[in-house]
């Protein structure tokens, strides 16, 4: 079991990078890199992604002390990133959790990389469709006065003719 701080230092040294060089690649100060390597600080989500990229490892590997495979979760990362781009951190966390929980379906058998990709694409497509549907159905919209309303309320307000009768 390797701690986050050790993973940062070990992978930086493996790449023969100085702390200053890693800091520059990630867009943080040398002090921040020192804090990460000593365990005095944990980076924010965006910086964690940049660290993983700079070190050539996955974010899953860095954030899970029980994971010793630097490529763990590499097949899922493009799908998690797409969810992050569309729905933010919460969407990325939901997608990562969804894909991780579905890994159990692979237990006892082996799938080729293309089969795994097809599975992840199907799960991602279903996730995106449901997320968009929920956004349309329950998301906030602005009414004529510029106030936020629930999408259901907006639909009801549009159906009301103003004289108490529905159109």
C-alpha atoms as a PDB file:
ATOM      1  CA  UNK A   1       0.000   0.000   0.000  1.00  0.00           C
ATOM      2  CA  UNK A   2       1.630   3.191  -1.208  1.00  0.00           C
ATOM      3  CA  UNK A   3       0.578   6.633  -0.032  1.00  0.00           C
ATOM      4  CA  UNK A   4      -0.166   9.527  -2.370  1.00  0.00           C
ATOM      5  CA  UNK A   5       2.909  11.444  -1.227  1.00  0.00           C
ATOM      6  CA  UNK A   6       5.205   8.493  -1.955  1.00  0.00           C
ATOM      7  CA  UNK A   7       3.629   7.945  -5.384  1.00  0.00           C
ATOM      8  CA  UNK A   8       4.298  11.555  -6.344  1.00  0.00           C
ATOM      9  CA  UNK A   9       7.944  11.424  -5.264  1.00  0.00           C
ATOM     10  CA  UNK A  10       8.639   7.952  -6.709  1.00  0.00           C
ATOM     11  CA  UNK A  11       7.118   8.757 -10.094  1.00  0.00           C
ATOM     12  CA  UNK A  12       8.849  12.148 -10.276  1.00  0.00           C
ATOM     13  CA  UNK A  13      12.170  10.440  -9.583  1.00  0.00           C
ATOM     14  CA  UNK A  14      11.381   7.671 -12.095  1.00  0.00           C
ATOM     15  CA  UNK A  15      10.982  10.366 -14.749  1.00  0.00           C
ATOM     16  CA  UNK A  16      14.152  12.063 -13.495  1.00  0.00           C
ATOM     17  CA  UNK A  17      12.306  15.316 -12.900  1.00  0.00           C
ATOM     18  CA  UNK A  18      13.306  17.886 -10.325  1.00  0.00           C
ATOM     19  CA  UNK A  19      10.613  19.324  -8.094  1.00  0.00           C
ATOM     20  CA  UNK A  20      10.852  22.613  -9.988  1.00  0.00           C
ATOM     21  CA  UNK A  21      10.296  20.846 -13.305  1.00  0.00           C
ATOM     22  CA  UNK A  22       7.243  18.971 -12.057  1.00  0.00           C
ATOM     23  CA  UNK A  23       5.875  22.178 -10.569  1.00  0.00           C
ATOM     24  CA  UNK A  24       6.239  23.907 -13.931  1.00  0.00           C
ATOM     25  CA  UNK A  25       4.530  21.059 -15.801  1.00  0.00           C
ATOM     26  CA  UNK A  26       1.610  21.090 -13.384  1.00  0.00           C
ATOM     27  CA  UNK A  27       1.354  24.853 -12.986  1.00  0.00           C
ATOM     28  CA  UNK A  28       2.023  25.016  -9.244  1.00  0.00           C
ATOM     29  CA  UNK A  29       4.887  26.249  -7.095  1.00  0.00           C
ATOM     30  CA  UNK A  30       7.839  24.125  -5.991  1.00  0.00           C
ATOM     31  CA  UNK A  31       6.499  24.552  -2.455  1.00  0.00           C
ATOM     32  CA  UNK A  32       3.281  22.840  -3.516  1.00  0.00           C
ATOM     33  CA  UNK A  33       5.192  19.871  -4.939  1.00  0.00           C
ATOM     34  CA  UNK A  34       7.184  19.630  -1.695  1.00  0.00           C
ATOM     35  CA  UNK A  35       3.910  19.709   0.266  1.00  0.00           C
ATOM     36  CA  UNK A  36       2.462  16.914  -1.902  1.00  0.00           C
ATOM     37  CA  UNK A  37       5.594  14.786  -1.472  1.00  0.00           C
ATOM     38  CA  UNK A  38       5.701  15.236   2.298  1.00  0.00           C
ATOM     39  CA  UNK A  39       2.002  14.591   2.742  1.00  0.00           C
ATOM     40  CA  UNK A  40       1.388  18.113   4.037  1.00  0.00           C
ATOM     41  CA  UNK A  41      -1.124  18.872   1.269  1.00  0.00           C
ATOM     42  CA  UNK A  42      -3.402  17.169  -1.220  1.00  0.00           C
ATOM     43  CA  UNK A  43      -4.032  18.975  -4.517  1.00  0.00           C
ATOM     44  CA  UNK A  44      -7.417  20.008  -5.798  1.00  0.00           C
ATOM     45  CA  UNK A  45      -9.153  18.005  -8.517  1.00  0.00           C
ATOM     46  CA  UNK A  46      -7.786  19.952 -11.499  1.00  0.00           C
ATOM     47  CA  UNK A  47      -4.225  19.899 -10.156  1.00  0.00           C
ATOM     48  CA  UNK A  48      -4.543  16.181  -9.416  1.00  0.00           C
ATOM     49  CA  UNK A  49      -5.414  15.570 -13.079  1.00  0.00           C
ATOM     50  CA  UNK A  50      -2.410  17.624 -14.191  1.00  0.00           C
ATOM     51  CA  UNK A  51      -0.132  15.730 -11.784  1.00  0.00           C
ATOM     52  CA  UNK A  52      -1.325  12.388 -13.124  1.00  0.00           C
ATOM     53  CA  UNK A  53      -0.767  13.546 -16.696  1.00  0.00           C
ATOM     54  CA  UNK A  54       2.699  14.953 -15.961  1.00  0.00           C
ATOM     55  CA  UNK A  55       3.743  11.754 -14.169  1.00  0.00           C
ATOM     56  CA  UNK A  56       2.269   9.430 -16.803  1.00  0.00           C
ATOM     57  CA  UNK A  57      -0.048   7.687 -14.349  1.00  0.00           C
ATOM     58  CA  UNK A  58      -3.796   7.636 -13.825  1.00  0.00           C
ATOM     59  CA  UNK A  59      -5.636   9.816 -11.389  1.00  0.00           C
ATOM     60  CA  UNK A  60      -7.186   6.671  -9.914  1.00  0.00           C
ATOM     61  CA  UNK A  61      -3.717   5.360  -9.075  1.00  0.00           C
ATOM     62  CA  UNK A  62      -2.743   8.601  -7.335  1.00  0.00           C
ATOM     63  CA  UNK A  63      -5.921   8.900  -5.304  1.00  0.00           C
ATOM     64  CA  UNK A  64      -6.231   5.302  -4.102  1.00  0.00           C
ATOM     65  CA  UNK A  65      -3.549   4.186  -1.648  1.00  0.00           C
ATOM     66  CA  UNK A  66      -4.537   0.544  -2.146  1.00  0.00           C
ATOM     67  CA  UNK A  67      -3.807   0.760  -5.898  1.00  0.00           C
ATOM     68  CA  UNK A  68      -0.288  -0.125  -7.025  1.00  0.00           C
ATOM     69  CA  UNK A  69      -0.948  -0.152 -10.792  1.00  0.00           C
ATOM     70  CA  UNK A  70      -0.018   3.225 -12.369  1.00  0.00           C
ATOM     71  CA  UNK A  71      -2.319   2.423 -15.299  1.00  0.00           C
ATOM     72  CA  UNK A  72      -5.331   1.401 -13.212  1.00  0.00           C
ATOM     73  CA  UNK A  73      -8.489   2.891 -14.644  1.00  0.00           C
ATOM     74  CA  UNK A  74      -6.833   4.006 -17.878  1.00  0.00           C
ATOM     75  CA  UNK A  75      -9.618   2.525 -20.016  1.00  0.00           C
ATOM     76  CA  UNK A  76     -12.223   4.516 -18.079  1.00  0.00           C
ATOM     77  CA  UNK A  77     -10.443   7.884 -18.081  1.00  0.00           C
ATOM     78  CA  UNK A  78     -11.695   9.176 -21.455  1.00  0.00           C
ATOM     79  CA  UNK A  79     -15.281   8.459 -20.399  1.00  0.00           C
ATOM     80  CA  UNK A  80     -14.794  10.085 -16.998  1.00  0.00           C
ATOM     81  CA  UNK A  81     -13.231  13.125 -18.677  1.00  0.00           C
ATOM     82  CA  UNK A  82     -16.169  13.416 -21.078  1.00  0.00           C
ATOM     83  CA  UNK A  83     -18.562  13.370 -18.108  1.00  0.00           C
ATOM     84  CA  UNK A  84     -16.390  16.003 -16.369  1.00  0.00           C
ATOM     85  CA  UNK A  85     -16.526  18.231 -19.444  1.00  0.00           C
ATOM     86  CA  UNK A  86     -20.294  17.911 -19.715  1.00  0.00           C
ATOM     87  CA  UNK A  87     -21.375  17.812 -16.063  1.00  0.00           C
ATOM     88  CA  UNK A  88     -18.446  18.929 -13.908  1.00  0.00           C
ATOM     89  CA  UNK A  89     -16.787  17.156 -10.998  1.00  0.00           C
ATOM     90  CA  UNK A  90     -20.002  15.539  -9.789  1.00  0.00           C
ATOM     91  CA  UNK A  91     -20.620  14.040 -13.237  1.00  0.00           C
ATOM     92  CA  UNK A  92     -17.044  12.740 -13.391  1.00  0.00           C
ATOM     93  CA  UNK A  93     -17.372  11.176  -9.944  1.00  0.00           C
ATOM     94  CA  UNK A  94     -20.684   9.567 -10.905  1.00  0.00           C
ATOM     95  CA  UNK A  95     -19.241   8.189 -14.154  1.00  0.00           C
ATOM     96  CA  UNK A  96     -16.130   6.834 -12.426  1.00  0.00           C
ATOM     97  CA  UNK A  97     -18.281   5.166  -9.786  1.00  0.00           C
ATOM     98  CA  UNK A  98     -20.660   3.744 -12.392  1.00  0.00           C
ATOM     99  CA  UNK A  99     -17.842   2.268 -14.458  1.00  0.00           C
ATOM    100  CA  UNK A 100     -16.023   0.959 -11.386  1.00  0.00           C
ATOM    101  CA  UNK A 101     -19.139  -0.774 -10.054  1.00  0.00           C
ATOM    102  CA  UNK A 102     -19.747  -2.371 -13.434  1.00  0.00           C
ATOM    103  CA  UNK A 103     -16.236  -3.861 -13.485  1.00  0.00           C
ATOM    104  CA  UNK A 104     -17.734  -6.729 -11.480  1.00  0.00           C
ATOM    105  CA  UNK A 105     -19.419  -7.856 -14.694  1.00  0.00           C
ATOM    106  CA  UNK A 106     -15.961  -8.760 -16.012  1.00  0.00           C
ATOM    107  CA  UNK A 107     -15.156 -11.041 -13.065  1.00  0.00           C
ATOM    108  CA  UNK A 108     -14.271 -14.577 -14.026  1.00  0.00           C
ATOM    109  CA  UNK A 109     -13.804 -13.810 -17.697  1.00  0.00           C
ATOM    110  CA  UNK A 110     -11.608 -11.801 -19.946  1.00  0.00           C
ATOM    111  CA  UNK A 111     -12.645  -9.169 -22.410  1.00  0.00           C
ATOM    112  CA  UNK A 112     -10.536  -7.684 -25.132  1.00  0.00           C
ATOM    113  CA  UNK A 113      -9.781  -3.969 -24.989  1.00  0.00           C
ATOM    114  CA  UNK A 114     -12.233  -3.334 -27.835  1.00  0.00           C
ATOM    115  CA  UNK A 115     -14.961  -5.220 -25.969  1.00  0.00           C
ATOM    116  CA  UNK A 116     -14.279  -3.174 -22.815  1.00  0.00           C
ATOM    117  CA  UNK A 117     -14.372   0.024 -24.866  1.00  0.00           C
ATOM    118  CA  UNK A 118     -17.704  -1.000 -26.396  1.00  0.00           C
ATOM    119  CA  UNK A 119     -19.091  -1.694 -22.932  1.00  0.00           C
ATOM    120  CA  UNK A 120     -17.816   1.622 -21.523  1.00  0.00           C
ATOM    121  CA  UNK A 121     -19.216   3.474 -24.536  1.00  0.00           C
ATOM    122  CA  UNK A 122     -22.640   1.892 -24.040  1.00  0.00           C
ATOM    123  CA  UNK A 123     -22.673   2.712 -20.314  1.00  0.00           C
ATOM    124  CA  UNK A 124     -21.482   6.250 -21.035  1.00  0.00           C
ATOM    125  CA  UNK A 125     -24.115   6.770 -23.716  1.00  0.00           C
ATOM    126  CA  UNK A 126     -26.856   5.634 -21.337  1.00  0.00           C
ATOM    127  CA  UNK A 127     -25.481   7.886 -18.587  1.00  0.00           C
ATOM    128  CA  UNK A 128     -25.314  10.933 -20.874  1.00  0.00           C
ATOM    129  CA  UNK A 129     -28.819  10.345 -22.251  1.00  0.00           C
ATOM    130  CA  UNK A 130     -30.302  10.043 -18.774  1.00  0.00           C
ATOM    131  CA  UNK A 131     -28.356  13.032 -17.470  1.00  0.00           C
ATOM    132  CA  UNK A 132     -29.541  15.211 -20.385  1.00  0.00           C
ATOM    133  CA  UNK A 133     -33.115  14.016 -19.914  1.00  0.00           C
ATOM    134  CA  UNK A 134     -32.954  14.903 -16.227  1.00  0.00           C
ATOM    135  CA  UNK A 135     -31.472  18.306 -17.078  1.00  0.00           C
ATOM    136  CA  UNK A 136     -34.321  19.005 -19.518  1.00  0.00           C
ATOM    137  CA  UNK A 137     -36.991  17.686 -17.184  1.00  0.00           C
ATOM    138  CA  UNK A 138     -35.794  19.049 -13.856  1.00  0.00           C
ATOM    139  CA  UNK A 139     -33.216  21.717 -14.702  1.00  0.00           C
ATOM    140  CA  UNK A 140     -33.691  25.396 -14.032  1.00  0.00           C
ATOM    141  CA  UNK A 141     -34.934  27.716 -16.753  1.00  0.00           C
ATOM    142  CA  UNK A 142     -35.575  31.426 -16.733  1.00  0.00           C
ATOM    143  CA  UNK A 143     -39.131  32.632 -17.072  1.00  0.00           C
ATOM    144  CA  UNK A 144     -40.170  35.821 -18.875  1.00  0.00           C
ATOM    145  CA  UNK A 145     -39.265  37.909 -15.817  1.00  0.00           C
ATOM    146  CA  UNK A 146     -35.754  36.446 -15.779  1.00  0.00           C
ATOM    147  CA  UNK A 147     -36.321  34.397 -12.624  1.00  0.00           C
ATOM    148  CA  UNK A 148     -35.179  30.800 -12.307  1.00  0.00           C
ATOM    149  CA  UNK A 149     -37.957  28.240 -12.374  1.00  0.00           C
ATOM    150  CA  UNK A 150     -38.101  24.489 -12.428  1.00  0.00           C
ATOM    151  CA  UNK A 151     -38.613  23.062 -15.930  1.00  0.00           C
ATOM    152  CA  UNK A 152     -41.904  21.461 -14.801  1.00  0.00           C
ATOM    153  CA  UNK A 153     -43.135  24.792 -13.422  1.00  0.00           C
ATOM    154  CA  UNK A 154     -42.160  26.526 -16.656  1.00  0.00           C
ATOM    155  CA  UNK A 155     -44.148  24.033 -18.726  1.00  0.00           C
ATOM    156  CA  UNK A 156     -47.172  24.480 -16.479  1.00  0.00           C
ATOM    157  CA  UNK A 157     -46.878  28.275 -16.603  1.00  0.00           C
ATOM    158  CA  UNK A 158     -46.712  28.206 -20.383  1.00  0.00           C
ATOM    159  CA  UNK A 159     -49.862  26.069 -20.522  1.00  0.00           C
ATOM    160  CA  UNK A 160     -51.783  28.511 -18.302  1.00  0.00           C
ATOM    161  CA  UNK A 161     -53.580  31.110 -20.417  1.00  0.00           C
ATOM    162  CA  UNK A 162     -53.750  33.578 -17.571  1.00  0.00           C
ATOM    163  CA  UNK A 163     -57.529  33.334 -17.107  1.00  0.00           C
ATOM    164  CA  UNK A 164     -57.320  30.208 -14.970  1.00  0.00           C
ATOM    165  CA  UNK A 165     -58.029  27.822 -17.853  1.00  0.00           C
ATOM    166  CA  UNK A 166     -55.439  25.523 -19.373  1.00  0.00           C
ATOM    167  CA  UNK A 167     -54.742  25.559 -23.103  1.00  0.00           C
END
